[in-house]
Amino acid sequence: MSSREDETLARAAVAALTGQLELTPKPGLPDPRDLDARATRRDLCSLRWSAKALTPGLAAMAAAARRIGRPTPELRTELGAIGRSTEHSVALAGGGHRGALWVLGFLVAAAVLDPEAKGSEVTATAKRITAHPDRRAPRRPSRGSSVSAKYGAAGARGEARAGFPHVRRALDALATSRSAGASETCARLDALLTVMSTLQDTELLYTAGPHGLRHVQAGARGVLEAGGTATEAGRAALAAFDDDLHTRAWSPRGTGGLFAGALFVDSLPVVVSSPVRVAA
């Protein structure tokens, strides 16, 4: 059974995912403009709904970490089992968020194991969890693992085992933009583009191939090199990049999940509110 602390962490993770969804304009990714789903093939309302379906699974992951207490093979295996069950629940709620589920799940578990940790300390703990193999994982290869093997990309598994380097990059970008006086929206957009500029996104590799991946990475870099989204030149570059991905129907989905993970880590430590007492 999950505790109030576990539920609070799960809700914070879902809030981070919702914050990622609501950020706009995101090139190639669902955002509030997506009333007709555009090229992303998923409308924002259904994604918000299915994001809420992650809450019980993330709370269960937190509870498992609290019960086991260390980044052991047992914890890794249990997180895997909970994650696969949660995938099924989310599919019934409309689907989506598969990548975000695993990113957030490992980071939530890490936050439980080290409650005072922030930033790279959280990702370092997550790395210790994911260093162990998932002994109950299905033996059949997933699409992402097949693409990783074909192109030599790190993929989701490699990202986790490396301690989520793109989550750390996003956190650094957030800090840099905020210290430069950028608005929170611009800071978040620049952090998202920072992830997109270097991530070996297996979803993009599957749909667009290596050339498409390089094209998207270059487009994201172009916005940042133009000065970022806080500048007029950067905003113009962002609009052109957004139109380009819309036309090509390319969606760098891996970026979204990792950026949601960064927003979650950025929110730590979360404060557990006291229960409201009703006077007799």
Protein backbone atom coordinates (compact mmCIF):
# COMPACT_ATOMS: atom_id res chain seq x y z
CA MET A 1 0.00 0.00 0.00
CA SER A 2 1.33 3.43 -0.91
CA SER A 3 1.70 6.16 1.70
CA ARG A 4 0.66 9.79 1.48
CA GLU A 5 4.27 10.61 0.58
CA ASP A 6 4.16 8.15 -2.32
CA GLU A 7 0.88 9.62 -3.59
CA THR A 8 2.35 13.12 -3.37
CA LEU A 9 5.39 12.14 -5.43
CA ALA A 10 3.17 10.43 -8.01
CA ARG A 11 0.98 13.52 -8.34
CA ALA A 12 4.08 15.70 -8.69
CA ALA A 13 5.32 13.47 -11.51
CA VAL A 14 1.95 13.65 -13.29
CA ALA A 15 1.94 17.43 -12.80
CA ALA A 16 5.35 17.56 -14.49
CA LEU A 17 4.01 15.52 -17.41
CA THR A 18 0.97 17.80 -17.67
CA GLY A 19 3.28 20.82 -17.60
CA GLN A 20 5.20 19.34 -20.51
CA LEU A 21 1.97 18.78 -22.43
CA GLU A 22 0.76 22.34 -21.85
CA LEU A 23 4.01 24.00 -22.93
CA THR A 24 3.58 25.64 -26.33
CA PRO A 25 4.67 25.86 -29.11
CA LYS A 26 6.48 22.51 -29.11
CA PRO A 27 7.74 21.48 -32.57
CA GLY A 28 6.30 18.11 -33.53
CA LEU A 29 4.82 17.42 -30.09
CA PRO A 30 1.26 17.70 -28.71
CA ASP A 31 0.43 21.06 -27.14
CA PRO A 32 -2.67 23.25 -26.58
CA ARG A 33 -2.91 23.99 -30.31
CA ASP A 34 -3.60 20.32 -31.01
CA LEU A 35 -7.39 20.34 -30.98
CA ASP A 36 -7.35 18.31 -34.18
CA ALA A 37 -4.29 16.27 -33.12
CA ARG A 38 -2.32 17.59 -36.12
CA ALA A 39 0.58 15.33 -37.06
CA THR A 40 0.98 14.06 -33.49
CA ARG A 41 -2.08 11.82 -33.89
CA ARG A 42 -3.18 12.45 -30.30
CA ASP A 43 -5.29 15.33 -29.03
CA LEU A 44 -4.30 17.15 -25.86
CA CYS A 45 -7.46 16.33 -23.89
CA SER A 46 -6.98 12.58 -24.27
CA LEU A 47 -3.31 12.89 -23.34
CA ARG A 48 -4.19 14.83 -20.18
CA TRP A 49 -6.71 12.15 -19.27
CA SER A 50 -4.31 9.28 -19.82
CA ALA A 51 -1.58 11.15 -17.90
CA LYS A 52 -3.77 10.97 -14.79
CA ALA A 53 -3.94 7.20 -15.25
CA LEU A 54 -0.21 7.06 -14.44
CA THR A 55 -0.81 8.15 -10.85
CA PRO A 56 -1.58 4.76 -9.23
CA GLY A 57 1.34 3.07 -10.99
CA LEU A 58 3.80 5.79 -10.06
CA ALA A 59 2.59 5.68 -6.46
CA ALA A 60 3.10 1.90 -6.47
CA MET A 61 6.65 2.39 -7.79
CA ALA A 62 7.31 4.85 -4.98
CA ALA A 63 5.89 2.40 -2.44
CA ALA A 64 8.11 -0.39 -3.77
CA ALA A 65 11.18 1.81 -3.41
CA ARG A 66 10.14 2.77 0.13
CA ARG A 67 9.61 -0.86 1.14
CA ILE A 68 12.85 -2.21 -0.37
CA GLY A 69 14.89 0.84 0.58
CA ARG A 70 17.92 0.29 -1.68
CA PRO A 71 18.65 0.23 -5.45
CA THR A 72 18.73 -3.57 -5.60
CA PRO A 73 17.99 -6.08 -8.38
CA GLU A 74 14.76 -6.86 -6.52
CA LEU A 75 13.66 -3.22 -6.78
CA ARG A 76 14.51 -3.05 -10.49
CA THR A 77 12.48 -6.18 -11.18
CA GLU A 78 9.50 -4.97 -9.17
CA LEU A 79 9.54 -1.58 -10.87
CA GLY A 80 9.50 -3.37 -14.21
CA ALA A 81 6.46 -5.43 -13.25
CA ILE A 82 4.58 -2.38 -11.97
CA GLY A 83 5.50 -0.41 -15.08
CA ARG A 84 4.18 -3.07 -17.45
CA SER A 85 0.92 -3.26 -15.50
CA THR A 86 0.63 0.53 -15.63
CA GLU A 87 1.21 0.50 -19.39
CA HIS A 88 -1.90 -1.66 -19.69
CA SER A 89 -3.96 0.68 -17.48
CA VAL A 90 -2.86 3.73 -19.45
CA ALA A 91 -3.71 1.99 -22.73
CA LEU A 92 -7.27 1.49 -21.44
CA ALA A 93 -7.39 5.22 -20.61
CA GLY A 94 -6.44 6.24 -24.14
CA GLY A 95 -2.75 5.41 -24.40
CA GLY A 96 0.36 7.50 -24.79
CA HIS A 97 3.09 8.36 -22.28
CA ARG A 98 4.87 5.01 -22.48
CA GLY A 99 8.30 6.62 -22.47
CA ALA A 100 7.34 9.16 -19.82
CA LEU A 101 6.05 6.38 -17.56
CA TRP A 102 9.46 4.73 -17.33
CA VAL A 103 11.42 7.97 -17.02
CA LEU A 104 9.14 9.26 -14.27
CA GLY A 105 8.87 5.87 -12.57
CA PHE A 106 12.62 5.48 -12.12
CA LEU A 107 12.99 9.09 -10.99
CA VAL A 108 10.12 8.78 -8.50
CA ALA A 109 11.75 5.66 -7.06
CA ALA A 110 15.07 7.49 -6.85
CA ALA A 111 13.42 10.40 -5.04
CA VAL A 112 12.08 7.96 -2.44
CA LEU A 113 15.49 6.37 -1.87
CA ASP A 114 17.15 9.76 -1.41
CA PRO A 115 14.47 12.21 -0.18
CA GLU A 116 16.81 15.19 0.16
CA ALA A 117 18.39 14.76 -3.28
CA LYS A 118 18.13 17.36 -6.01
CA GLY A 119 19.14 17.54 -9.65
CA SER A 120 21.95 15.21 -10.65
CA GLU A 121 21.81 13.46 -7.26
CA VAL A 122 18.36 12.11 -8.21
CA THR A 123 19.51 10.92 -11.63
CA ALA A 124 22.57 9.29 -10.05
CA THR A 125 20.32 7.25 -7.78
CA ALA A 126 18.13 6.33 -10.76
CA LYS A 127 21.27 5.12 -12.52
CA ARG A 128 22.00 2.76 -9.63
CA ILE A 129 18.49 1.34 -9.93
CA THR A 130 18.62 0.83 -13.70
CA ALA A 131 22.10 -0.71 -13.60
CA HIS A 132 20.37 -3.99 -12.73
CA PRO A 133 18.61 -6.04 -15.41
CA ASP A 134 14.86 -6.50 -15.31
CA ARG A 135 14.71 -10.25 -14.82
CA ARG A 136 11.02 -10.49 -15.71
CA ALA A 137 11.14 -8.34 -18.83
CA PRO A 138 9.62 -9.93 -21.96
CA ARG A 139 12.26 -11.53 -24.14
CA ARG A 140 10.70 -10.31 -27.37
CA PRO A 141 12.41 -7.11 -28.58
CA SER A 142 10.44 -3.88 -28.50
CA ARG A 143 10.35 -1.50 -31.44
CA GLY A 144 12.66 0.87 -29.59
CA SER A 145 15.22 -1.82 -28.77
CA SER A 146 15.14 -3.07 -32.37
CA VAL A 147 15.78 0.44 -33.67
CA SER A 148 18.56 0.93 -31.10
CA ALA A 149 20.25 -2.26 -32.26
CA LYS A 150 19.88 -1.34 -35.94
CA TYR A 151 21.31 2.18 -35.68
CA GLY A 152 23.50 1.92 -32.58
CA ALA A 153 21.41 4.49 -30.70
CA ALA A 154 21.35 4.52 -26.91
CA GLY A 155 17.58 4.36 -26.76
CA ALA A 156 15.46 4.51 -23.62
CA ARG A 157 17.37 1.72 -21.90
CA GLY A 158 20.74 3.32 -22.60
CA GLU A 159 19.48 6.70 -21.43
CA ALA A 160 18.33 5.21 -18.13
CA ARG A 161 21.52 3.23 -17.54
CA ALA A 162 23.59 6.35 -18.20
CA GLY A 163 21.72 8.19 -15.46
CA PHE A 164 19.41 10.19 -17.74
CA PRO A 165 22.00 12.58 -19.22
CA HIS A 166 19.31 14.45 -21.16
CA VAL A 167 17.34 15.08 -17.98
CA ARG A 168 20.50 16.64 -16.57
CA ARG A 169 21.02 18.69 -19.73
CA ALA A 170 17.47 19.99 -19.51
CA LEU A 171 17.97 20.95 -15.85
CA ASP A 172 21.16 22.84 -16.73
CA ALA A 173 19.38 24.63 -19.58
CA LEU A 174 16.50 25.61 -17.29
CA ALA A 175 18.92 27.07 -14.76
CA THR A 176 20.87 28.97 -17.43
CA SER A 177 17.78 30.52 -19.03
CA ARG A 178 16.23 31.46 -15.69
CA SER A 179 19.45 33.11 -14.51
CA ALA A 180 19.53 35.09 -17.77
CA GLY A 181 16.09 36.50 -16.98
CA ALA A 182 14.04 34.47 -19.46
CA SER A 183 10.38 33.85 -18.74
CA GLU A 184 9.47 30.41 -17.43
CA THR A 185 7.89 29.50 -20.77
CA CYS A 186 11.01 30.48 -22.71
CA ALA A 187 13.26 28.70 -20.21
CA ARG A 188 11.23 25.52 -20.63
CA LEU A 189 11.14 25.75 -24.41
CA ASP A 190 14.91 26.24 -24.54
CA ALA A 191 15.41 23.24 -22.24
CA LEU A 192 13.13 21.12 -24.42
CA LEU A 193 15.07 22.14 -27.53
CA THR A 194 18.35 21.38 -25.75
CA VAL A 195 17.18 17.79 -25.27
CA MET A 196 15.90 17.58 -28.84
CA SER A 197 19.19 18.88 -30.27
CA THR A 198 21.23 15.85 -29.17
CA LEU A 199 18.83 13.03 -28.24
CA GLN A 200 19.08 9.89 -30.39
CA ASP A 201 15.30 9.56 -30.50
CA THR A 202 14.44 6.00 -31.53
CA GLU A 203 10.89 7.02 -32.48
CA LEU A 204 12.31 9.51 -34.98
CA LEU A 205 14.80 6.95 -36.23
CA TYR A 206 11.92 4.55 -36.83
CA THR A 207 9.72 7.03 -38.68
CA ALA A 208 12.28 9.27 -40.40
CA GLY A 209 15.59 7.39 -40.36
CA PRO A 210 19.03 8.80 -39.53
CA HIS A 211 18.63 11.69 -41.97
CA GLY A 212 15.38 12.73 -40.31
CA LEU A 213 16.92 12.52 -36.85
CA ARG A 214 19.83 14.74 -37.90
CA HIS A 215 17.38 17.17 -39.52
CA VAL A 216 15.39 17.53 -36.29
CA GLN A 217 18.52 17.87 -34.16
CA ALA A 218 19.82 20.60 -36.48
CA GLY A 219 16.49 22.43 -36.36
CA ALA A 220 16.50 22.48 -32.57
CA ARG A 221 20.11 23.67 -32.51
CA GLY A 222 19.21 26.39 -34.99
CA VAL A 223 16.67 27.90 -32.61
CA LEU A 224 19.16 27.89 -29.74
CA GLU A 225 21.96 29.30 -31.89
CA ALA A 226 19.64 32.10 -33.02
CA GLY A 227 19.48 33.22 -29.40
CA GLY A 228 16.81 30.98 -27.94
CA THR A 229 13.10 31.51 -27.65
CA ALA A 230 13.47 34.67 -25.55
CA THR A 231 14.80 36.53 -28.61
CA GLU A 232 12.97 37.67 -31.73
CA ALA A 233 15.35 35.74 -33.99
CA GLY A 234 14.95 32.62 -31.88
CA ARG A 235 11.16 32.85 -31.95
CA ALA A 236 11.23 33.19 -35.74
CA ALA A 237 13.48 30.13 -36.00
CA LEU A 238 11.15 28.22 -33.66
CA ALA A 239 8.11 29.06 -35.79
CA ALA A 240 9.89 27.89 -38.94
CA PHE A 241 11.05 24.69 -37.23
CA ASP A 242 7.55 24.02 -35.93
CA ASP A 243 6.02 24.48 -39.40
CA ASP A 244 8.67 22.20 -40.89
CA LEU A 245 7.94 19.31 -38.52
CA HIS A 246 4.20 19.81 -38.97
CA THR A 247 4.62 19.54 -42.75
CA ARG A 248 6.81 16.45 -42.47
CA ALA A 249 4.57 14.84 -39.81
CA TRP A 250 7.62 14.03 -37.67
CA SER A 251 7.21 13.79 -33.91
CA PRO A 252 10.29 13.63 -31.61
CA ARG A 253 8.34 11.87 -28.86
CA GLY A 254 11.35 10.74 -26.86
CA THR A 255 12.12 14.36 -26.05
CA GLY A 256 8.76 14.87 -24.35
CA GLY A 257 9.14 12.10 -21.79
CA LEU A 258 12.66 13.10 -20.81
CA PHE A 259 11.67 16.74 -20.50
CA ALA A 260 8.78 15.74 -18.23
CA GLY A 261 11.36 13.90 -16.11
CA ALA A 262 13.42 17.08 -15.89
CA LEU A 263 10.40 19.09 -14.75
CA PHE A 264 9.71 16.50 -12.06
CA VAL A 265 13.29 16.57 -10.75
CA ASP A 266 13.17 20.37 -10.90
CA SER A 267 10.15 20.29 -8.55
CA LEU A 268 11.94 18.28 -5.85
CA PRO A 269 11.76 18.01 -2.95
CA VAL A 270 7.96 17.97 -2.88
CA VAL A 271 6.10 19.00 0.25
CA VAL A 272 3.60 16.55 1.68
CA SER A 273 0.55 18.48 2.83
CA SER A 274 -1.10 17.64 6.13
CA PRO A 275 -4.56 16.07 5.96
CA VAL A 276 -7.43 18.51 6.42
CA ARG A 277 -9.21 18.01 9.73
CA VAL A 278 -12.90 18.72 9.87
CA ALA A 279 -14.11 20.15 13.14
CA ALA A 280 -16.59 18.01 14.99
